Amino acid sequence: MKIRYIFSILLCLLLLSSILSAAIQDGQPQDRRRTRENMRTLWLLRMTRVLELTEEQTAKVFPIVSRIEKEKNEIYKQIGKQVRELRLILREEEPDQGDLKNKINKIKELRNLIKKKDEELEARMEENLTLIQRAKYLMFAANFYR
């Protein structure tokens, strides 16, 4: 009787864990998106506090940062797609050299777009910040993602 009871508990736990696992996997893309949005919000709030932005500066900077970060997220999605496709090409017995070059070039191009977006953000920040705030911004940006 005791063995049957333990077995039924283990079976219930196994079923529960499989149900939870399936639920977690279904929600992952949405959870990742929510996590990225939360990180961006946290980044903006901390930046506002660290740089001691005025209301006017905040009104100018927030839309710029939000737009650029959304654009970068779209580029990162494209990079992910290209990397997955590159991985599939590499799994082939004899990968097509032309396909490899095209994927490599596309990924490099997308990575350069990310760099340009970062440079655009830096330029817009310089337009709207004082010299002291720009120095604080450089330190903040370097430390935040570390």
N, C-alpha and C. Protein backbone atom coordinates (compact mmCIF):
# COMPACT_ATOMS: atom_id res chain seq x y z
N MET A 1 0.81 -1.19 0.00
CA MET A 1 0.00 0.00 0.00
C MET A 1 0.86 1.26 0.00
N LYS A 2 1.91 1.26 0.80
CA LYS A 2 2.79 2.41 0.90
C LYS A 2 3.52 2.64 -0.43
N ILE A 3 3.92 1.56 -1.07
CA ILE A 3 4.63 1.67 -2.36
C ILE A 3 3.68 2.24 -3.41
N ARG A 4 2.44 1.79 -3.41
CA ARG A 4 1.46 2.29 -4.37
C ARG A 4 1.22 3.80 -4.14
N TYR A 5 1.17 4.23 -2.91
CA TYR A 5 0.97 5.64 -2.57
C TYR A 5 2.15 6.48 -3.07
N ILE A 6 3.37 6.02 -2.82
CA ILE A 6 4.57 6.73 -3.27
C ILE A 6 4.61 6.77 -4.79
N PHE A 7 4.27 5.65 -5.43
CA PHE A 7 4.26 5.59 -6.88
C PHE A 7 3.25 6.58 -7.46
N SER A 8 2.07 6.68 -6.88
CA SER A 8 1.05 7.61 -7.38
C SER A 8 1.49 9.07 -7.19
N ILE A 9 2.17 9.37 -6.10
CA ILE A 9 2.69 10.72 -5.88
C ILE A 9 3.75 11.05 -6.93
N LEU A 10 4.65 10.12 -7.18
CA LEU A 10 5.69 10.33 -8.19
C LEU A 10 5.07 10.53 -9.57
N LEU A 11 4.05 9.75 -9.89
CA LEU A 11 3.37 9.87 -11.17
C LEU A 11 2.72 11.25 -11.30
N CYS A 12 2.08 11.70 -10.24
CA CYS A 12 1.46 13.04 -10.25
C CYS A 12 2.50 14.14 -10.43
N LEU A 13 3.62 14.01 -9.74
CA LEU A 13 4.70 14.99 -9.88
C LEU A 13 5.25 15.00 -11.30
N LEU A 14 5.39 13.82 -11.89
CA LEU A 14 5.89 13.72 -13.26
C LEU A 14 4.93 14.40 -14.22
N LEU A 15 3.64 14.15 -14.08
CA LEU A 15 2.64 14.78 -14.94
C LEU A 15 2.64 16.30 -14.75
N LEU A 16 2.71 16.73 -13.52
CA LEU A 16 2.71 18.16 -13.23
C LEU A 16 3.94 18.84 -13.84
N SER A 17 5.09 18.20 -13.72
CA SER A 17 6.31 18.80 -14.27
C SER A 17 6.26 18.87 -15.78
N SER A 18 5.68 17.86 -16.44
CA SER A 18 5.57 17.91 -17.90
C SER A 18 4.60 19.00 -18.35
N ILE A 19 3.52 19.19 -17.60
CA ILE A 19 2.56 20.25 -17.93
C ILE A 19 3.22 21.61 -17.75
N LEU A 20 3.93 21.81 -16.66
CA LEU A 20 4.61 23.08 -16.42
C LEU A 20 5.68 23.33 -17.46
N SER A 21 6.40 22.31 -17.84
CA SER A 21 7.44 22.45 -18.85
C SER A 21 6.85 22.90 -20.18
N ALA A 22 5.74 22.31 -20.58
CA ALA A 22 5.07 22.70 -21.82
C ALA A 22 4.58 24.14 -21.74
N ALA A 23 4.04 24.52 -20.61
CA ALA A 23 3.54 25.89 -20.44
C ALA A 23 4.68 26.90 -20.50
N ILE A 24 5.80 26.56 -19.91
CA ILE A 24 6.95 27.46 -19.92
C ILE A 24 7.47 27.62 -21.34
N GLN A 25 7.56 26.53 -22.08
CA GLN A 25 8.06 26.60 -23.45
C GLN A 25 7.14 27.41 -24.33
N ASP A 26 5.82 27.32 -24.13
CA ASP A 26 4.89 28.10 -24.93
C ASP A 26 5.04 29.59 -24.67
N GLY A 27 5.37 29.98 -23.46
CA GLY A 27 5.46 31.38 -23.10
C GLY A 27 6.82 32.01 -23.29
N GLN A 28 7.82 31.26 -23.71
CA GLN A 28 9.18 31.79 -23.76
C GLN A 28 9.35 32.99 -24.68
N PRO A 29 8.87 32.97 -25.94
CA PRO A 29 9.08 34.17 -26.77
C PRO A 29 8.46 35.41 -26.16
N GLN A 30 7.26 35.28 -25.60
CA GLN A 30 6.61 36.43 -24.98
C GLN A 30 7.37 36.86 -23.73
N ASP A 31 7.84 35.89 -22.96
CA ASP A 31 8.61 36.22 -21.76
C ASP A 31 9.91 36.92 -22.12
N ARG A 32 10.57 36.47 -23.18
CA ARG A 32 11.81 37.12 -23.60
C ARG A 32 11.54 38.56 -24.01
N ARG A 33 10.46 38.75 -24.76
CA ARG A 33 10.12 40.10 -25.21
C ARG A 33 9.83 40.98 -24.00
N ARG A 34 9.09 40.46 -23.03
CA ARG A 34 8.77 41.22 -21.83
C ARG A 34 10.04 41.52 -21.04
N THR A 35 10.95 40.56 -20.98
CA THR A 35 12.21 40.77 -20.27
C THR A 35 13.02 41.87 -20.94
N ARG A 36 13.09 41.84 -22.28
CA ARG A 36 13.81 42.89 -23.00
C ARG A 36 13.20 44.26 -22.74
N GLU A 37 11.87 44.33 -22.77
CA GLU A 37 11.19 45.60 -22.50
C GLU A 37 11.47 46.08 -21.08
N ASN A 38 11.46 45.16 -20.13
CA ASN A 38 11.76 45.53 -18.75
C ASN A 38 13.20 46.02 -18.62
N MET A 39 14.13 45.38 -19.32
CA MET A 39 15.53 45.82 -19.28
C MET A 39 15.66 47.22 -19.87
N ARG A 40 14.97 47.47 -20.98
CA ARG A 40 15.03 48.79 -21.60
C ARG A 40 14.45 49.84 -20.67
N THR A 41 13.33 49.53 -20.01
CA THR A 41 12.72 50.47 -19.07
C THR A 41 13.65 50.73 -17.90
N LEU A 42 14.22 49.67 -17.35
CA LEU A 42 15.17 49.82 -16.25
C LEU A 42 16.36 50.68 -16.68
N TRP A 43 16.86 50.42 -17.89
CA TRP A 43 17.99 51.17 -18.43
C TRP A 43 17.63 52.65 -18.51
N LEU A 44 16.45 52.96 -19.04
CA LEU A 44 16.02 54.35 -19.17
C LEU A 44 15.87 55.03 -17.80
N LEU A 45 15.27 54.32 -16.86
CA LEU A 45 15.07 54.91 -15.53
C LEU A 45 16.39 55.16 -14.82
N ARG A 46 17.27 54.17 -14.88
CA ARG A 46 18.57 54.35 -14.22
C ARG A 46 19.37 55.45 -14.91
N MET A 47 19.31 55.50 -16.24
CA MET A 47 20.03 56.53 -16.98
C MET A 47 19.51 57.91 -16.58
N THR A 48 18.20 58.06 -16.47
CA THR A 48 17.61 59.34 -16.07
C THR A 48 18.14 59.77 -14.72
N ARG A 49 18.19 58.84 -13.80
CA ARG A 49 18.67 59.15 -12.45
C ARG A 49 20.17 59.46 -12.44
N VAL A 50 20.96 58.61 -13.10
CA VAL A 50 22.42 58.79 -13.08
C VAL A 50 22.82 60.09 -13.77
N LEU A 51 22.18 60.39 -14.90
CA LEU A 51 22.54 61.60 -15.64
C LEU A 51 21.86 62.85 -15.11
N GLU A 52 20.92 62.67 -14.20
CA GLU A 52 20.16 63.79 -13.64
C GLU A 52 19.54 64.62 -14.77
N LEU A 53 18.79 63.92 -15.63
CA LEU A 53 18.17 64.58 -16.78
C LEU A 53 17.05 65.51 -16.33
N THR A 54 16.95 66.63 -17.01
CA THR A 54 15.82 67.54 -16.78
C THR A 54 14.59 66.95 -17.48
N GLU A 55 13.43 67.53 -17.19
CA GLU A 55 12.21 67.06 -17.86
C GLU A 55 12.32 67.26 -19.36
N GLU A 56 12.89 68.39 -19.76
CA GLU A 56 13.05 68.69 -21.19
C GLU A 56 13.97 67.67 -21.85
N GLN A 57 15.09 67.37 -21.20
CA GLN A 57 16.02 66.38 -21.75
C GLN A 57 15.36 65.00 -21.82
N THR A 58 14.65 64.65 -20.77
CA THR A 58 13.96 63.36 -20.74
C THR A 58 12.97 63.25 -21.88
N ALA A 59 12.22 64.33 -22.13
CA ALA A 59 11.24 64.33 -23.21
C ALA A 59 11.89 64.16 -24.57
N LYS A 60 13.12 64.63 -24.72
CA LYS A 60 13.83 64.49 -25.99
C LYS A 60 14.51 63.12 -26.11
N VAL A 61 15.11 62.66 -25.02
CA VAL A 61 15.95 61.46 -25.06
C VAL A 61 15.13 60.17 -25.11
N PHE A 62 14.06 60.08 -24.32
CA PHE A 62 13.29 58.82 -24.24
C PHE A 62 12.79 58.34 -25.61
N PRO A 63 12.16 59.20 -26.41
CA PRO A 63 11.69 58.71 -27.72
C PRO A 63 12.84 58.26 -28.62
N ILE A 64 13.95 58.96 -28.55
CA ILE A 64 15.11 58.59 -29.37
C ILE A 64 15.62 57.21 -28.97
N VAL A 65 15.83 57.03 -27.67
CA VAL A 65 16.36 55.75 -27.18
C VAL A 65 15.38 54.63 -27.49
N SER A 66 14.10 54.86 -27.27
CA SER A 66 13.09 53.83 -27.53
C SER A 66 13.08 53.42 -29.00
N ARG A 67 13.11 54.40 -29.88
CA ARG A 67 13.09 54.11 -31.31
C ARG A 67 14.31 53.31 -31.73
N ILE A 68 15.48 53.77 -31.31
CA ILE A 68 16.72 53.10 -31.71
C ILE A 68 16.78 51.70 -31.13
N GLU A 69 16.38 51.52 -29.89
CA GLU A 69 16.41 50.18 -29.28
C GLU A 69 15.44 49.23 -29.98
N LYS A 70 14.28 49.72 -30.38
CA LYS A 70 13.34 48.87 -31.12
C LYS A 70 13.92 48.48 -32.47
N GLU A 71 14.56 49.43 -33.13
CA GLU A 71 15.20 49.13 -34.42
C GLU A 71 16.31 48.10 -34.24
N LYS A 72 17.09 48.25 -33.18
CA LYS A 72 18.15 47.28 -32.91
C LYS A 72 17.58 45.90 -32.62
N ASN A 73 16.48 45.83 -31.89
CA ASN A 73 15.85 44.54 -31.61
C ASN A 73 15.43 43.84 -32.90
N GLU A 74 14.89 44.61 -33.84
CA GLU A 74 14.50 44.02 -35.13
C GLU A 74 15.73 43.50 -35.88
N ILE A 75 16.81 44.25 -35.82
CA ILE A 75 18.05 43.81 -36.48
C ILE A 75 18.58 42.55 -35.81
N TYR A 76 18.52 42.50 -34.48
CA TYR A 76 18.97 41.30 -33.76
C TYR A 76 18.14 40.08 -34.15
N LYS A 77 16.84 40.28 -34.37
CA LYS A 77 16.00 39.17 -34.83
C LYS A 77 16.47 38.68 -36.20
N GLN A 78 16.79 39.62 -37.08
CA GLN A 78 17.29 39.25 -38.40
C GLN A 78 18.62 38.51 -38.30
N ILE A 79 19.48 38.97 -37.40
CA ILE A 79 20.76 38.29 -37.20
C ILE A 79 20.51 36.85 -36.73
N GLY A 80 19.60 36.69 -35.79
CA GLY A 80 19.27 35.35 -35.29
C GLY A 80 18.79 34.44 -36.40
N LYS A 81 17.94 34.97 -37.27
CA LYS A 81 17.44 34.19 -38.40
C LYS A 81 18.58 33.79 -39.32
N GLN A 82 19.46 34.73 -39.63
CA GLN A 82 20.59 34.44 -40.51
C GLN A 82 21.53 33.41 -39.89
N VAL A 83 21.75 33.51 -38.60
CA VAL A 83 22.63 32.55 -37.91
C VAL A 83 22.01 31.15 -37.94
N ARG A 84 20.70 31.07 -37.74
CA ARG A 84 20.04 29.75 -37.82
C ARG A 84 20.18 29.16 -39.21
N GLU A 85 20.01 30.00 -40.23
CA GLU A 85 20.15 29.52 -41.61
C GLU A 85 21.60 29.11 -41.89
N LEU A 86 22.55 29.87 -41.36
CA LEU A 86 23.96 29.52 -41.52
C LEU A 86 24.26 28.18 -40.86
N ARG A 87 23.69 27.97 -39.70
CA ARG A 87 23.87 26.70 -38.98
C ARG A 87 23.36 25.53 -39.82
N LEU A 88 22.22 25.72 -40.49
CA LEU A 88 21.66 24.67 -41.35
C LEU A 88 22.58 24.39 -42.53
N ILE A 89 23.12 25.44 -43.11
CA ILE A 89 24.05 25.26 -44.24
C ILE A 89 25.27 24.48 -43.78
N LEU A 90 25.79 24.80 -42.61
CA LEU A 90 26.99 24.13 -42.10
C LEU A 90 26.74 22.67 -41.77
N ARG A 91 25.50 22.30 -41.53
CA ARG A 91 25.18 20.89 -41.23
C ARG A 91 25.21 20.02 -42.48
N GLU A 92 25.12 20.66 -43.64
CA GLU A 92 25.15 19.90 -44.89
C GLU A 92 26.50 19.21 -45.04
N GLU A 93 26.46 18.09 -45.74
CA GLU A 93 27.70 17.33 -45.94
C GLU A 93 28.75 18.15 -46.67
N GLU A 94 28.32 18.81 -47.75
CA GLU A 94 29.21 19.70 -48.49
C GLU A 94 28.51 21.05 -48.64
N PRO A 95 28.74 21.95 -47.70
CA PRO A 95 28.06 23.26 -47.75
C PRO A 95 28.42 24.03 -49.01
N ASP A 96 27.43 24.68 -49.58
CA ASP A 96 27.64 25.50 -50.77
C ASP A 96 28.43 26.75 -50.39
N GLN A 97 29.55 26.94 -51.04
CA GLN A 97 30.45 28.06 -50.72
C GLN A 97 29.77 29.42 -50.95
N GLY A 98 28.98 29.51 -52.00
CA GLY A 98 28.28 30.75 -52.29
C GLY A 98 27.27 31.10 -51.21
N ASP A 99 26.53 30.08 -50.76
CA ASP A 99 25.55 30.30 -49.68
C ASP A 99 26.25 30.74 -48.40
N LEU A 100 27.39 30.10 -48.11
CA LEU A 100 28.15 30.48 -46.91
C LEU A 100 28.59 31.93 -46.98
N LYS A 101 29.15 32.32 -48.12
CA LYS A 101 29.61 33.71 -48.28
C LYS A 101 28.45 34.69 -48.13
N ASN A 102 27.32 34.35 -48.75
CA ASN A 102 26.15 35.24 -48.66
C ASN A 102 25.68 35.41 -47.22
N LYS A 103 25.60 34.31 -46.49
CA LYS A 103 25.15 34.39 -45.09
C LYS A 103 26.14 35.17 -44.24
N ILE A 104 27.42 34.90 -44.44
CA ILE A 104 28.45 35.62 -43.68
C ILE A 104 28.36 37.11 -43.96
N ASN A 105 28.23 37.47 -45.23
CA ASN A 105 28.14 38.89 -45.60
C ASN A 105 26.88 39.53 -45.03
N LYS A 106 25.77 38.80 -45.06
CA LYS A 106 24.52 39.34 -44.53
C LYS A 106 24.63 39.58 -43.02
N ILE A 107 25.24 38.63 -42.31
CA ILE A 107 25.41 38.79 -40.86
C ILE A 107 26.33 39.96 -40.55
N LYS A 108 27.42 40.09 -41.31
CA LYS A 108 28.33 41.24 -41.12
C LYS A 108 27.60 42.55 -41.38
N GLU A 109 26.79 42.57 -42.43
CA GLU A 109 26.03 43.77 -42.77
C GLU A 109 25.08 44.15 -41.64
N LEU A 110 24.40 43.17 -41.09
CA LEU A 110 23.47 43.43 -39.99
C LEU A 110 24.21 43.89 -38.74
N ARG A 111 25.37 43.29 -38.48
CA ARG A 111 26.16 43.72 -37.32
C ARG A 111 26.64 45.16 -37.49
N ASN A 112 26.97 45.53 -38.72
CA ASN A 112 27.35 46.92 -38.99
C ASN A 112 26.18 47.87 -38.77
N LEU A 113 24.97 47.41 -39.09
CA LEU A 113 23.78 48.23 -38.83
C LEU A 113 23.61 48.47 -37.33
N ILE A 114 23.89 47.46 -36.53
CA ILE A 114 23.82 47.61 -35.07
C ILE A 114 24.83 48.68 -34.63
N LYS A 115 26.04 48.61 -35.16
CA LYS A 115 27.07 49.61 -34.81
C LYS A 115 26.60 51.01 -35.20
N LYS A 116 25.99 51.13 -36.38
CA LYS A 116 25.51 52.44 -36.83
C LYS A 116 24.40 52.96 -35.91
N LYS A 117 23.53 52.07 -35.46
CA LYS A 117 22.47 52.47 -34.53
C LYS A 117 23.07 52.94 -33.21
N ASP A 118 24.10 52.24 -32.74
CA ASP A 118 24.78 52.66 -31.51
C ASP A 118 25.43 54.03 -31.69
N GLU A 119 26.05 54.24 -32.86
CA GLU A 119 26.67 55.54 -33.15
C GLU A 119 25.61 56.63 -33.24
N GLU A 120 24.47 56.31 -33.84
CA GLU A 120 23.38 57.28 -33.92
C GLU A 120 22.89 57.65 -32.53
N LEU A 121 22.75 56.66 -31.66
CA LEU A 121 22.33 56.93 -30.29
C LEU A 121 23.33 57.83 -29.58
N GLU A 122 24.60 57.51 -29.73
CA GLU A 122 25.65 58.34 -29.10
C GLU A 122 25.57 59.77 -29.61
N ALA A 123 25.38 59.95 -30.93
CA ALA A 123 25.31 61.29 -31.50
C ALA A 123 24.10 62.05 -30.96
N ARG A 124 22.95 61.39 -30.88
CA ARG A 124 21.74 62.04 -30.36
C ARG A 124 21.90 62.38 -28.88
N MET A 125 22.57 61.52 -28.15
CA MET A 125 22.81 61.81 -26.73
C MET A 125 23.71 63.03 -26.60
N GLU A 126 24.73 63.12 -27.43
CA GLU A 126 25.64 64.27 -27.37
C GLU A 126 24.91 65.57 -27.66
N GLU A 127 23.91 65.51 -28.56
CA GLU A 127 23.14 66.71 -28.90
C GLU A 127 22.30 67.20 -27.72
N ASN A 128 21.92 66.30 -26.85
CA ASN A 128 20.96 66.64 -25.80
C ASN A 128 21.53 66.67 -24.39
N LEU A 129 22.80 66.34 -24.23
CA LEU A 129 23.40 66.28 -22.90
C LEU A 129 24.50 67.31 -22.74
N THR A 130 24.71 67.71 -21.50
CA THR A 130 25.84 68.58 -21.19
C THR A 130 27.11 67.73 -21.23
N LEU A 131 28.25 68.37 -21.14
CA LEU A 131 29.53 67.66 -21.17
C LEU A 131 29.64 66.68 -20.00
N ILE A 132 29.25 67.13 -18.82
CA ILE A 132 29.31 66.25 -17.64
C ILE A 132 28.36 65.07 -17.82
N GLN A 133 27.16 65.33 -18.33
CA GLN A 133 26.20 64.25 -18.56
C GLN A 133 26.71 63.26 -19.61
N ARG A 134 27.40 63.77 -20.64
CA ARG A 134 27.96 62.86 -21.65
C ARG A 134 29.00 61.95 -21.04
N ALA A 135 29.84 62.50 -20.17
CA ALA A 135 30.85 61.68 -19.49
C ALA A 135 30.17 60.63 -18.62
N LYS A 136 29.14 61.06 -17.88
CA LYS A 136 28.40 60.11 -17.04
C LYS A 136 27.71 59.04 -17.89
N TYR A 137 27.20 59.45 -19.06
CA TYR A 137 26.52 58.50 -19.95
C TYR A 137 27.49 57.42 -20.43
N LEU A 138 28.69 57.83 -20.82
CA LEU A 138 29.68 56.84 -21.28
C LEU A 138 30.00 55.84 -20.18
N MET A 139 30.16 56.33 -18.96
CA MET A 139 30.44 55.43 -17.83
C MET A 139 29.23 54.55 -17.54
N PHE A 140 28.04 55.14 -17.58
CA PHE A 140 26.82 54.38 -17.32
C PHE A 140 26.63 53.27 -18.34
N ALA A 141 26.77 53.61 -19.62
CA ALA A 141 26.57 52.61 -20.67
C ALA A 141 27.58 51.47 -20.56
N ALA A 142 28.81 51.80 -20.21
CA ALA A 142 29.84 50.77 -20.07
C ALA A 142 29.56 49.86 -18.88
N ASN A 143 29.05 50.42 -17.79
CA ASN A 143 28.82 49.65 -16.57
C ASN A 143 27.49 48.91 -16.54
N PHE A 144 26.48 49.42 -17.22
CA PHE A 144 25.14 48.84 -17.10
C PHE A 144 25.09 47.40 -17.58
N TYR A 145 25.70 47.12 -18.71
CA TYR A 145 25.60 45.78 -19.29
C TYR A 145 26.68 44.84 -18.81
N ARG A 146 27.55 45.32 -17.94
CA ARG A 146 28.62 44.46 -17.43
C ARG A 146 28.14 43.52 -16.41
